[in-house]
Amino acid sequence: MKKAIAIAAYNRPECFNWLIESLGQQILPLDGYLKIVSIDRGKRHGEMVRAATPYAQIVMTRRKHLGLDKNTFAPVREAFEIQGADLVVYLEEDFVLSPDAFNLVKWYIDNLEALRKVKGVQDVAVGCLCRLPRCHLKTMNEPGTIWLTRALQSGGLVINRLQYYRYVKPAWSHFRSPGTWSKRIANRIRTFPGVYNAIPSLSRVSNTGRESGYSVTGKVFDRLMKGHVKRTGREIIPFHCDGISVRRDL
């Protein structure tokens, strides 16, 4: 299986460096992943390129600003359609991953068929690394539990080739359609009866970019990461099919 990490980046080299640091702290080695970074044109474009070049095998740069939809789609398209990847983990430059994030990726790869056998489920569209904000339920204390839901959390996606062509590309690549790319994908998935997304009850991703835009300082980062520290233990948390629940209310 050819695997790739596709990262969409723009104007935030500090955030990007935190992402790269968290990727380097993964429990599972990432040597088998092709690393692709798409950097949209911005005021700090040169800094972003210098930060990405030592890490990624493919760094996609721009002469002009593409915008959110096109730049986020570009590395995923590059991975599947140009590089021939079978599986892509999509990330953005303002994510910080727990050390067991790619343990969850591996679990999705190994258990896709088991997810499809859950009662009432015909297919799984994508695997998510981040929980839904509305999942404030008892399973928060069960880090190995997986939800199957019709909603989509775009904080890190695990997509295989079939999922890409069936559910993701037709919506993501329609740049002139209304709504954000994630909402378009979610709306497309909902048109297929019995198709769900897999979401962990405990996030493996925190977002450093939402509160202070493009200038996240170390002080702000420390505050944003207070909750993240609770889930960065290096022990391997076993995921399990027995804990899968289907949420039909979203």
C-alpha atoms as a PDB file:
ATOM      1  CA  MET A   1       0.000   0.000   0.000  1.00  0.00           C
ATOM      2  CA  LYS A   2       1.376   3.412  -1.012  1.00  0.00           C
ATOM      3  CA  LYS A   3       0.599   5.940   1.721  1.00  0.00           C
ATOM      4  CA  ALA A   4       0.958   9.713   1.779  1.00  0.00           C
ATOM      5  CA  ILE A   5       0.650  12.589   4.220  1.00  0.00           C
ATOM      6  CA  ALA A   6      -0.889  15.607   2.462  1.00  0.00           C
ATOM      7  CA  ILE A   7      -0.500  18.946   4.252  1.00  0.00           C
ATOM      8  CA  ALA A   8      -2.176  22.212   3.233  1.00  0.00           C
ATOM      9  CA  ALA A   9      -0.245  25.242   4.519  1.00  0.00           C
ATOM     10  CA  TYR A  10      -0.472  29.023   4.412  1.00  0.00           C
ATOM     11  CA  ASN A  11       1.439  31.834   6.085  1.00  0.00           C
ATOM     12  CA  ARG A  12       1.999  30.244   9.527  1.00  0.00           C
ATOM     13  CA  PRO A  13       5.539  28.809   9.781  1.00  0.00           C
ATOM     14  CA  GLU A  14       5.410  28.642  13.606  1.00  0.00           C
ATOM     15  CA  CYS A  15       2.294  26.487  13.476  1.00  0.00           C
ATOM     16  CA  PHE A  16       3.799  24.361  10.716  1.00  0.00           C
ATOM     17  CA  ASN A  17       6.911  23.696  12.798  1.00  0.00           C
ATOM     18  CA  TRP A  18       4.727  22.542  15.715  1.00  0.00           C
ATOM     19  CA  LEU A  19       2.920  20.171  13.347  1.00  0.00           C
ATOM     20  CA  ILE A  20       6.224  18.748  12.068  1.00  0.00           C
ATOM     21  CA  GLU A  21       7.445  18.322  15.633  1.00  0.00           C
ATOM     22  CA  SER A  22       4.300  16.377  16.563  1.00  0.00           C
ATOM     23  CA  LEU A  23       4.687  14.179  13.464  1.00  0.00           C
ATOM     24  CA  GLY A  24       8.236  13.407  14.600  1.00  0.00           C
ATOM     25  CA  GLN A  25       6.917  12.285  17.995  1.00  0.00           C
ATOM     26  CA  GLN A  26       4.572   9.614  16.645  1.00  0.00           C
ATOM     27  CA  ILE A  27       4.714   6.193  18.280  1.00  0.00           C
ATOM     28  CA  LEU A  28       4.602   4.534  14.873  1.00  0.00           C
ATOM     29  CA  PRO A  29       7.343   5.392  12.361  1.00  0.00           C
ATOM     30  CA  LEU A  30       6.244   7.432   9.347  1.00  0.00           C
ATOM     31  CA  ASP A  31       9.080   6.387   7.037  1.00  0.00           C
ATOM     32  CA  GLY A  32       6.641   4.610   4.733  1.00  0.00           C
ATOM     33  CA  TYR A  33       4.641   7.776   4.013  1.00  0.00           C
ATOM     34  CA  LEU A  34       5.259  10.110   1.089  1.00  0.00           C
ATOM     35  CA  LYS A  35       5.134  13.666   2.512  1.00  0.00           C
ATOM     36  CA  ILE A  36       3.472  16.326   0.355  1.00  0.00           C
ATOM     37  CA  VAL A  37       3.031  19.979   1.356  1.00  0.00           C
ATOM     38  CA  SER A  38       1.031  22.533  -0.638  1.00  0.00           C
ATOM     39  CA  ILE A  39       1.887  26.115   0.347  1.00  0.00           C
ATOM     40  CA  ASP A  40      -0.455  28.886  -0.759  1.00  0.00           C
ATOM     41  CA  ARG A  41       1.012  32.267  -1.668  1.00  0.00           C
ATOM     42  CA  GLY A  42       1.192  34.691   1.246  1.00  0.00           C
ATOM     43  CA  LYS A  43       3.384  37.256   2.950  1.00  0.00           C
ATOM     44  CA  ARG A  44       5.460  34.536   4.651  1.00  0.00           C
ATOM     45  CA  HIS A  45       5.646  32.223   1.645  1.00  0.00           C
ATOM     46  CA  GLY A  46       9.460  32.048   1.699  1.00  0.00           C
ATOM     47  CA  GLU A  47       9.505  31.087   5.381  1.00  0.00           C
ATOM     48  CA  MET A  48       6.936  28.385   4.739  1.00  0.00           C
ATOM     49  CA  VAL A  49       8.953  26.923   1.864  1.00  0.00           C
ATOM     50  CA  ARG A  50      12.139  26.873   3.967  1.00  0.00           C
ATOM     51  CA  ALA A  51      10.279  25.151   6.804  1.00  0.00           C
ATOM     52  CA  ALA A  52       8.713  22.511   4.533  1.00  0.00           C
ATOM     53  CA  THR A  53      11.662  21.663   2.287  1.00  0.00           C
ATOM     54  CA  PRO A  54      13.684  19.597   4.833  1.00  0.00           C
ATOM     55  CA  TYR A  55      10.602  17.573   5.756  1.00  0.00           C
ATOM     56  CA  ALA A  56       8.637  16.860   2.582  1.00  0.00           C
ATOM     57  CA  GLN A  57       9.611  15.015  -0.571  1.00  0.00           C
ATOM     58  CA  ILE A  58       7.170  17.162  -2.563  1.00  0.00           C
ATOM     59  CA  VAL A  59       6.701  20.885  -1.806  1.00  0.00           C
ATOM     60  CA  MET A  60       4.098  22.589  -3.998  1.00  0.00           C
ATOM     61  CA  THR A  61       4.603  26.375  -4.197  1.00  0.00           C
ATOM     62  CA  ARG A  62       2.437  29.076  -5.799  1.00  0.00           C
ATOM     63  CA  ARG A  63       3.076  32.224  -7.813  1.00  0.00           C
ATOM     64  CA  LYS A  64      -0.315  33.600  -6.819  1.00  0.00           C
ATOM     65  CA  HIS A  65      -2.810  33.038  -4.037  1.00  0.00           C
ATOM     66  CA  LEU A  66      -5.103  30.057  -4.716  1.00  0.00           C
ATOM     67  CA  GLY A  67      -7.496  30.376  -1.808  1.00  0.00           C
ATOM     68  CA  LEU A  68      -8.601  27.909   0.829  1.00  0.00           C
ATOM     69  CA  ASP A  69     -10.567  25.440  -1.320  1.00  0.00           C
ATOM     70  CA  LYS A  70      -7.974  24.979  -4.061  1.00  0.00           C
ATOM     71  CA  ASN A  71      -4.938  24.881  -1.793  1.00  0.00           C
ATOM     72  CA  THR A  72      -6.427  22.329   0.597  1.00  0.00           C
ATOM     73  CA  PHE A  73      -7.480  20.076  -2.286  1.00  0.00           C
ATOM     74  CA  ALA A  74      -4.147  20.343  -4.141  1.00  0.00           C
ATOM     75  CA  PRO A  75      -1.966  18.021  -1.995  1.00  0.00           C
ATOM     76  CA  VAL A  76      -4.720  15.402  -1.762  1.00  0.00           C
ATOM     77  CA  ARG A  77      -5.172  15.423  -5.533  1.00  0.00           C
ATOM     78  CA  GLU A  78      -1.389  15.268  -6.007  1.00  0.00           C
ATOM     79  CA  ALA A  79      -1.187  12.238  -3.749  1.00  0.00           C
ATOM     80  CA  PHE A  80      -3.964  10.217  -5.372  1.00  0.00           C
ATOM     81  CA  GLU A  81      -3.914  11.312  -9.013  1.00  0.00           C
ATOM     82  CA  ILE A  82      -0.249  12.105  -9.666  1.00  0.00           C
ATOM     83  CA  GLN A  83       1.660   9.989  -7.143  1.00  0.00           C
ATOM     84  CA  GLY A  84      -0.738   7.018  -7.192  1.00  0.00           C
ATOM     85  CA  ALA A  85      -1.298   6.805  -3.430  1.00  0.00           C
ATOM     86  CA  ASP A  86      -3.693   4.203  -2.058  1.00  0.00           C
ATOM     87  CA  LEU A  87      -4.252   6.060   1.206  1.00  0.00           C
ATOM     88  CA  VAL A  88      -3.849   9.703   2.250  1.00  0.00           C
ATOM     89  CA  VAL A  89      -3.790  11.341   5.668  1.00  0.00           C
ATOM     90  CA  TYR A  90      -4.872  14.965   5.181  1.00  0.00           C
ATOM     91  CA  LEU A  91      -3.560  17.566   7.656  1.00  0.00           C
ATOM     92  CA  GLU A  92      -3.298  21.350   7.880  1.00  0.00           C
ATOM     93  CA  GLU A  93      -0.347  23.365   9.099  1.00  0.00           C
ATOM     94  CA  ASP A  94      -2.038  24.507  12.322  1.00  0.00           C
ATOM     95  CA  PHE A  95      -2.668  20.972  13.657  1.00  0.00           C
ATOM     96  CA  VAL A  96      -0.771  19.353  16.523  1.00  0.00           C
ATOM     97  CA  LEU A  97      -1.082  15.563  16.772  1.00  0.00           C
ATOM     98  CA  SER A  98      -1.094  13.293  19.793  1.00  0.00           C
ATOM     99  CA  PRO A  99       1.696  10.683  19.642  1.00  0.00           C
ATOM    100  CA  ASP A 100      -0.846   7.933  18.960  1.00  0.00           C
ATOM    101  CA  ALA A 101      -2.558   9.734  16.041  1.00  0.00           C
ATOM    102  CA  PHE A 102      -1.096   7.350  13.470  1.00  0.00           C
ATOM    103  CA  ASN A 103      -2.049   4.395  15.648  1.00  0.00           C
ATOM    104  CA  LEU A 104      -5.597   5.516  14.906  1.00  0.00           C
ATOM    105  CA  VAL A 105      -4.726   5.822  11.196  1.00  0.00           C
ATOM    106  CA  LYS A 106      -3.426   2.248  11.239  1.00  0.00           C
ATOM    107  CA  TRP A 107      -6.571   1.104  13.056  1.00  0.00           C
ATOM    108  CA  TYR A 108      -8.739   2.634  10.335  1.00  0.00           C
ATOM    109  CA  ILE A 109      -6.680   0.850   7.676  1.00  0.00           C
ATOM    110  CA  ASP A 110      -6.882  -2.507   9.445  1.00  0.00           C
ATOM    111  CA  ASN A 111     -10.554  -2.309  10.462  1.00  0.00           C
ATOM    112  CA  LEU A 112     -12.386  -0.732   7.541  1.00  0.00           C
ATOM    113  CA  GLU A 113     -14.226  -3.955   6.793  1.00  0.00           C
ATOM    114  CA  ALA A 114     -15.188  -4.356  10.452  1.00  0.00           C
ATOM    115  CA  LEU A 115     -16.646  -0.842  10.428  1.00  0.00           C
ATOM    116  CA  ARG A 116     -18.692  -1.702   7.345  1.00  0.00           C
ATOM    117  CA  LYS A 117     -20.209  -4.685   9.158  1.00  0.00           C
ATOM    118  CA  VAL A 118     -21.737  -2.580  11.944  1.00  0.00           C
ATOM    119  CA  LYS A 119     -25.527  -2.909  11.793  1.00  0.00           C
ATOM    120  CA  GLY A 120     -27.100  -0.292   9.535  1.00  0.00           C
ATOM    121  CA  VAL A 121     -23.806   0.741   7.917  1.00  0.00           C
ATOM    122  CA  GLN A 122     -23.335   0.211   4.182  1.00  0.00           C
ATOM    123  CA  ASP A 123     -20.028   2.063   3.806  1.00  0.00           C
ATOM    124  CA  VAL A 124     -17.575   4.368   5.554  1.00  0.00           C
ATOM    125  CA  ALA A 125     -16.719   7.578   3.707  1.00  0.00           C
ATOM    126  CA  VAL A 126     -13.674   8.797   5.673  1.00  0.00           C
ATOM    127  CA  GLY A 127     -11.881   8.282   8.957  1.00  0.00           C
ATOM    128  CA  CYS A 128     -11.426  11.372  11.138  1.00  0.00           C
ATOM    129  CA  LEU A 129      -8.678  12.120  13.656  1.00  0.00           C
ATOM    130  CA  CYS A 130     -10.662  14.723  15.584  1.00  0.00           C
ATOM    131  CA  ARG A 131     -13.850  14.192  17.568  1.00  0.00           C
ATOM    132  CA  LEU A 132     -16.994  16.217  16.972  1.00  0.00           C
ATOM    133  CA  PRO A 133     -17.400  19.270  19.236  1.00  0.00           C
ATOM    134  CA  ARG A 134     -20.888  18.042  20.114  1.00  0.00           C
ATOM    135  CA  CYS A 135     -19.739  14.627  21.355  1.00  0.00           C
ATOM    136  CA  HIS A 136     -19.739  15.554  25.056  1.00  0.00           C
ATOM    137  CA  LEU A 137     -20.885  12.097  26.052  1.00  0.00           C
ATOM    138  CA  LYS A 138     -19.776   9.417  28.486  1.00  0.00           C
ATOM    139  CA  THR A 139     -17.407   7.915  25.928  1.00  0.00           C
ATOM    140  CA  MET A 140     -15.036  10.858  26.433  1.00  0.00           C
ATOM    141  CA  ASN A 141     -13.401   8.699  29.123  1.00  0.00           C
ATOM    142  CA  GLU A 142     -13.040   5.799  26.677  1.00  0.00           C
ATOM    143  CA  PRO A 143     -10.245   6.880  24.301  1.00  0.00           C
ATOM    144  CA  GLY A 144     -10.483   3.725  22.199  1.00  0.00           C
ATOM    145  CA  THR A 145     -14.142   4.186  21.293  1.00  0.00           C
ATOM    146  CA  ILE A 146     -15.092   4.985  17.695  1.00  0.00           C
ATOM    147  CA  TRP A 147     -18.264   6.754  16.590  1.00  0.00           C
ATOM    148  CA  LEU A 148     -19.918   6.247  13.229  1.00  0.00           C
ATOM    149  CA  THR A 149     -21.795   9.400  12.319  1.00  0.00           C
ATOM    150  CA  ARG A 150     -23.211  11.220   9.300  1.00  0.00           C
ATOM    151  CA  ALA A 151     -21.423  14.417  10.388  1.00  0.00           C
ATOM    152  CA  LEU A 152     -17.873  15.258   9.290  1.00  0.00           C
ATOM    153  CA  GLN A 153     -15.010  16.646  11.369  1.00  0.00           C
ATOM    154  CA  SER A 154     -12.343  18.081   9.075  1.00  0.00           C
ATOM    155  CA  GLY A 155      -9.557  18.172  11.682  1.00  0.00           C
ATOM    156  CA  GLY A 156      -7.516  15.478   9.956  1.00  0.00           C
ATOM    157  CA  LEU A 157      -8.885  12.934   7.478  1.00  0.00           C
ATOM    158  CA  VAL A 158      -7.899   9.387   6.530  1.00  0.00           C
ATOM    159  CA  ILE A 159      -9.001   8.654   2.952  1.00  0.00           C
ATOM    160  CA  ASN A 160      -8.398   5.652   0.716  1.00  0.00           C
ATOM    161  CA  ARG A 161      -8.547   5.670  -3.073  1.00  0.00           C
ATOM    162  CA  LEU A 162     -12.141   4.426  -3.350  1.00  0.00           C
ATOM    163  CA  GLN A 163     -13.365   6.928  -0.767  1.00  0.00           C
ATOM    164  CA  TYR A 164     -11.550   9.724  -2.578  1.00  0.00           C
ATOM    165  CA  TYR A 165     -13.194   9.112  -5.941  1.00  0.00           C
ATOM    166  CA  ARG A 166     -16.634   8.212  -4.577  1.00  0.00           C
ATOM    167  CA  TYR A 167     -17.203  10.740  -1.790  1.00  0.00           C
ATOM    168  CA  VAL A 168     -14.413  13.293  -1.479  1.00  0.00           C
ATOM    169  CA  LYS A 169     -13.255  14.512  -4.885  1.00  0.00           C
ATOM    170  CA  PRO A 170     -16.707  15.189  -6.431  1.00  0.00           C
ATOM    171  CA  ALA A 171     -17.501  17.648  -3.624  1.00  0.00           C
ATOM    172  CA  TRP A 172     -14.089  19.069  -2.735  1.00  0.00           C
ATOM    173  CA  SER A 173     -13.158  19.916  -6.329  1.00  0.00           C
ATOM    174  CA  HIS A 174     -16.372  21.869  -7.040  1.00  0.00           C
ATOM    175  CA  PHE A 175     -14.755  25.172  -6.076  1.00  0.00           C
ATOM    176  CA  ARG A 176     -17.619  27.364  -7.300  1.00  0.00           C
ATOM    177  CA  SER A 177     -20.231  25.510  -5.286  1.00  0.00           C
ATOM    178  CA  PRO A 178     -21.509  27.245  -2.135  1.00  0.00           C
ATOM    179  CA  GLY A 179     -20.188  26.370   1.302  1.00  0.00           C
ATOM    180  CA  THR A 180     -16.811  25.305   2.628  1.00  0.00           C
ATOM    181  CA  TRP A 181     -15.096  22.225   1.220  1.00  0.00           C
ATOM    182  CA  SER A 182     -15.820  20.215   4.360  1.00  0.00           C
ATOM    183  CA  LYS A 183     -19.527  21.104   4.288  1.00  0.00           C
ATOM    184  CA  ARG A 184     -19.731  20.140   0.622  1.00  0.00           C
ATOM    185  CA  ILE A 185     -18.180  16.749   1.366  1.00  0.00           C
ATOM    186  CA  ALA A 186     -20.497  16.242   4.346  1.00  0.00           C
ATOM    187  CA  ASN A 187     -23.527  17.123   2.235  1.00  0.00           C
ATOM    188  CA  ARG A 188     -22.461  14.687  -0.480  1.00  0.00           C
ATOM    189  CA  ILE A 189     -21.959  11.877   2.019  1.00  0.00           C
ATOM    190  CA  ARG A 190     -25.475  12.452   3.358  1.00  0.00           C
ATOM    191  CA  THR A 191     -26.903  11.770  -0.105  1.00  0.00           C
ATOM    192  CA  PHE A 192     -25.766   8.131   0.221  1.00  0.00           C
ATOM    193  CA  PRO A 193     -28.030   6.082   2.526  1.00  0.00           C
ATOM    194  CA  GLY A 194     -26.145   4.123   5.151  1.00  0.00           C
ATOM    195  CA  VAL A 195     -22.802   5.872   4.622  1.00  0.00           C
ATOM    196  CA  TYR A 196     -21.030   7.104   7.764  1.00  0.00           C
ATOM    197  CA  ASN A 197     -17.778   8.711   8.867  1.00  0.00           C
ATOM    198  CA  ALA A 198     -15.611   7.153  11.581  1.00  0.00           C
ATOM    199  CA  ILE A 199     -14.732   9.550  14.402  1.00  0.00           C
ATOM    200  CA  PRO A 200     -12.826   8.916  17.655  1.00  0.00           C
ATOM    201  CA  SER A 201     -14.482   9.835  20.947  1.00  0.00           C
ATOM    202  CA  LEU A 202     -11.165  11.386  22.004  1.00  0.00           C
ATOM    203  CA  SER A 203      -9.403  13.692  19.541  1.00  0.00           C
ATOM    204  CA  ARG A 204      -5.913  12.939  18.292  1.00  0.00           C
ATOM    205  CA  VAL A 205      -5.626  16.484  16.893  1.00  0.00           C
ATOM    206  CA  SER A 206      -5.595  19.950  18.436  1.00  0.00           C
ATOM    207  CA  ASN A 207      -5.842  23.155  16.384  1.00  0.00           C
ATOM    208  CA  THR A 208      -3.421  25.999  17.157  1.00  0.00           C
ATOM    209  CA  GLY A 209      -4.613  28.448  14.519  1.00  0.00           C
ATOM    210  CA  ARG A 210      -8.218  29.251  15.339  1.00  0.00           C
ATOM    211  CA  GLU A 211      -7.823  31.668  18.222  1.00  0.00           C
ATOM    212  CA  SER A 212      -5.151  34.059  17.048  1.00  0.00           C
ATOM    213  CA  GLY A 213      -5.133  33.771  13.264  1.00  0.00           C
ATOM    214  CA  TYR A 214      -1.744  33.873  11.618  1.00  0.00           C
ATOM    215  CA  SER A 215       0.332  35.035  14.605  1.00  0.00           C
ATOM    216  CA  VAL A 216       0.184  32.300  17.223  1.00  0.00           C
ATOM    217  CA  THR A 217       2.714  33.158  19.931  1.00  0.00           C
ATOM    218  CA  GLY A 218       4.402  30.705  22.275  1.00  0.00           C
ATOM    219  CA  LYS A 219       2.266  32.002  25.141  1.00  0.00           C
ATOM    220  CA  VAL A 220      -0.955  31.473  23.195  1.00  0.00           C
ATOM    221  CA  PHE A 221       0.286  28.044  22.094  1.00  0.00           C
ATOM    222  CA  ASP A 222       0.917  26.993  25.694  1.00  0.00           C
ATOM    223  CA  ARG A 223      -2.626  28.029  26.642  1.00  0.00           C
ATOM    224  CA  LEU A 224      -4.188  26.300  23.645  1.00  0.00           C
ATOM    225  CA  MET A 225      -2.266  23.112  24.405  1.00  0.00           C
ATOM    226  CA  LYS A 226      -3.373  22.780  28.026  1.00  0.00           C
ATOM    227  CA  GLY A 227      -6.096  20.349  27.010  1.00  0.00           C
ATOM    228  CA  HIS A 228      -3.830  18.640  24.497  1.00  0.00           C
ATOM    229  CA  VAL A 229      -1.235  17.727  27.130  1.00  0.00           C
ATOM    230  CA  LYS A 230      -3.791  15.397  28.706  1.00  0.00           C
ATOM    231  CA  ARG A 231      -3.781  13.211  25.605  1.00  0.00           C
ATOM    232  CA  THR A 232      -0.117  13.148  24.623  1.00  0.00           C
ATOM    233  CA  GLY A 233       0.961  10.167  26.682  1.00  0.00           C
ATOM    234  CA  ARG A 234       3.127   7.819  24.648  1.00  0.00           C
ATOM    235  CA  GLU A 235       1.327   4.674  25.704  1.00  0.00           C
ATOM    236  CA  ILE A 236      -0.505   2.812  22.929  1.00  0.00           C
ATOM    237  CA  ILE A 237      -4.254   3.031  23.436  1.00  0.00           C
ATOM    238  CA  PRO A 238      -5.989   0.027  21.865  1.00  0.00           C
ATOM    239  CA  PHE A 239      -8.936   0.853  19.632  1.00  0.00           C
ATOM    240  CA  HIS A 240     -11.671  -1.721  19.511  1.00  0.00           C
ATOM    241  CA  CYS A 241     -14.616  -2.631  17.346  1.00  0.00           C
ATOM    242  CA  ASP A 242     -16.666  -3.514  20.419  1.00  0.00           C
ATOM    243  CA  GLY A 243     -16.872   0.175  21.267  1.00  0.00           C
ATOM    244  CA  ILE A 244     -18.275   1.306  17.931  1.00  0.00           C
ATOM    245  CA  SER A 245     -21.539   3.194  18.191  1.00  0.00           C
ATOM    246  CA  VAL A 246     -23.692   4.512  15.371  1.00  0.00           C
ATOM    247  CA  ARG A 247     -24.988   8.030  15.946  1.00  0.00           C
ATOM    248  CA  ARG A 248     -28.086   8.687  13.879  1.00  0.00           C
ATOM    249  CA  ASP A 249     -28.883  12.097  15.374  1.00  0.00           C
ATOM    250  CA  LEU A 250     -26.266  14.097  13.460  1.00  0.00           C
END
